Amino acid sequence: MSYQFSSIVRATAVDTDRRTSDRDEVHYRARAFGPDAQPQTLLIVNISPHGLMARCEHPFAEGDRLRVMLPVAGAVPAEIRWALGGRIGVSFDHAVDLASYYELLAQMLKAG
């Protein structure tokens, strides 16, 4: 019986955080273009090669598509995975390659 319980707990813990990599803390203002193609300002607070979390005033919704303008990487197509209280979690369509990511991160940290 305890085996079944521990399996359920393990499965739940895995399901709660599906990130594929750790995030780097930043404080970087970026432009994004949403479904209406209007420019929006994002304050990126953490980022990884696979996505980011940002604060924004625009009421984006889960599933909205974005193009996020990032240093080095340019316009990165992405999907909003969650939106809550002025914050959004964004998943990039394709991971930023590591060499570009480290250069991008260096520029973000220098600017912030």
Protein backbone atom coordinates (compact mmCIF):
# COMPACT_ATOMS: atom_id res chain seq x y z
CA MET A 1 0.00 0.00 0.00
CA SER A 2 2.78 2.46 0.83
CA TYR A 3 4.39 1.64 -2.54
CA GLN A 4 1.29 2.90 -4.38
CA PHE A 5 1.24 6.10 -2.33
CA SER A 6 4.92 6.84 -3.00
CA SER A 7 4.37 6.28 -6.74
CA ILE A 8 1.52 8.78 -6.74
CA VAL A 9 3.58 11.34 -4.81
CA ARG A 10 6.51 10.91 -7.22
CA ALA A 11 4.28 11.31 -10.29
CA THR A 12 2.67 14.43 -8.84
CA ALA A 13 6.03 16.00 -8.05
CA VAL A 14 7.23 15.39 -11.61
CA ASP A 15 4.04 16.84 -13.10
CA THR A 16 4.20 20.07 -11.10
CA ASP A 17 7.44 21.32 -12.71
CA ARG A 18 7.88 20.37 -16.34
CA ARG A 19 10.78 22.74 -17.07
CA THR A 20 13.60 21.16 -18.99
CA SER A 21 16.31 23.39 -17.52
CA ASP A 22 17.02 25.85 -14.74
CA ARG A 23 16.29 29.53 -15.25
CA ASP A 24 18.76 32.42 -15.02
CA GLU A 25 17.59 35.47 -13.09
CA VAL A 26 17.63 38.69 -15.15
CA HIS A 27 15.97 42.10 -15.16
CA TYR A 28 15.59 42.96 -18.84
CA ARG A 29 13.01 44.99 -20.75
CA ALA A 30 12.08 43.45 -24.08
CA ARG A 31 9.50 44.00 -26.79
CA ALA A 32 7.02 41.33 -27.75
CA PHE A 33 4.38 41.17 -30.43
CA GLY A 34 1.24 39.26 -29.51
CA PRO A 35 -1.69 37.90 -31.51
CA ASP A 36 -2.81 41.43 -32.47
CA ALA A 37 0.74 42.31 -33.73
CA GLN A 38 0.85 45.33 -31.40
CA PRO A 39 4.15 45.86 -29.55
CA GLN A 40 4.08 45.14 -25.82
CA THR A 41 6.78 45.68 -23.21
CA LEU A 42 7.88 42.71 -21.12
CA LEU A 43 10.09 42.78 -18.06
CA ILE A 44 11.88 39.45 -18.29
CA VAL A 45 12.69 38.21 -14.79
CA ASN A 46 14.11 34.80 -15.63
CA ILE A 47 15.10 32.97 -18.78
CA SER A 48 16.47 29.68 -20.09
CA PRO A 49 17.21 28.40 -23.59
CA HIS A 50 13.65 27.01 -23.61
CA GLY A 51 11.54 29.88 -22.27
CA LEU A 52 11.12 32.75 -19.86
CA MET A 53 8.98 34.35 -17.21
CA ALA A 54 8.07 38.01 -17.53
CA ARG A 55 5.92 40.70 -16.00
CA CYS A 56 3.65 42.62 -18.34
CA GLU A 57 0.64 44.90 -18.26
CA HIS A 58 -1.11 43.41 -21.31
CA PRO A 59 -3.72 40.77 -20.42
CA PHE A 60 -2.22 37.83 -22.34
CA ALA A 61 -3.88 34.42 -22.02
CA GLU A 62 -2.60 30.87 -21.96
CA GLY A 63 -2.09 29.70 -25.54
CA ASP A 64 -1.48 33.17 -27.00
CA ARG A 65 1.35 33.30 -29.52
CA LEU A 66 4.19 35.83 -29.20
CA ARG A 67 7.32 36.95 -30.99
CA VAL A 68 9.77 38.02 -28.29
CA MET A 69 12.61 40.29 -29.37
CA LEU A 70 15.80 39.08 -27.69
CA PRO A 71 19.40 40.19 -28.08
CA VAL A 72 21.44 37.87 -30.32
CA ALA A 73 18.47 35.53 -31.00
CA GLY A 74 16.24 38.19 -32.62
CA ALA A 75 12.49 37.56 -32.93
CA VAL A 76 11.81 34.30 -31.09
CA PRO A 77 8.40 32.68 -31.72
CA ALA A 78 6.82 31.39 -28.53
CA GLU A 79 3.62 30.34 -26.77
CA ILE A 80 2.28 31.56 -23.45
CA ARG A 81 1.99 28.52 -21.21
CA TRP A 82 0.44 30.33 -18.25
CA ALA A 83 -0.67 33.85 -17.30
CA LEU A 84 -1.37 34.98 -13.75
CA GLY A 85 -1.53 38.38 -12.06
CA GLY A 86 0.54 40.34 -14.56
CA ARG A 87 3.07 37.54 -15.04
CA ILE A 88 3.45 35.14 -17.96
CA GLY A 89 5.36 31.92 -18.54
CA VAL A 90 6.56 31.58 -22.10
CA SER A 91 7.84 28.51 -23.95
CA PHE A 92 9.97 29.11 -27.06
CA ASP A 93 9.00 27.13 -30.17
CA HIS A 94 12.66 26.11 -30.56
CA ALA A 95 15.37 26.24 -27.92
CA VAL A 96 18.00 28.94 -28.32
CA ASP A 97 21.33 27.22 -29.05
CA LEU A 98 23.68 27.36 -26.07
CA ALA A 99 26.38 29.55 -27.64
CA SER A 100 23.75 32.16 -28.60
CA TYR A 101 22.03 31.76 -25.24
CA TYR A 102 25.18 32.57 -23.24
CA GLU A 103 25.85 35.62 -25.40
CA LEU A 104 22.20 36.68 -25.05
CA LEU A 105 22.40 36.22 -21.27
CA ALA A 106 25.61 38.27 -21.05
CA GLN A 107 23.97 41.15 -22.94
CA MET A 108 20.86 41.00 -20.75
CA LEU A 109 22.90 41.05 -17.54
CA LYS A 110 25.07 43.91 -18.83
CA ALA A 111 21.98 45.98 -19.73
CA GLY A 112 20.24 45.28 -16.40
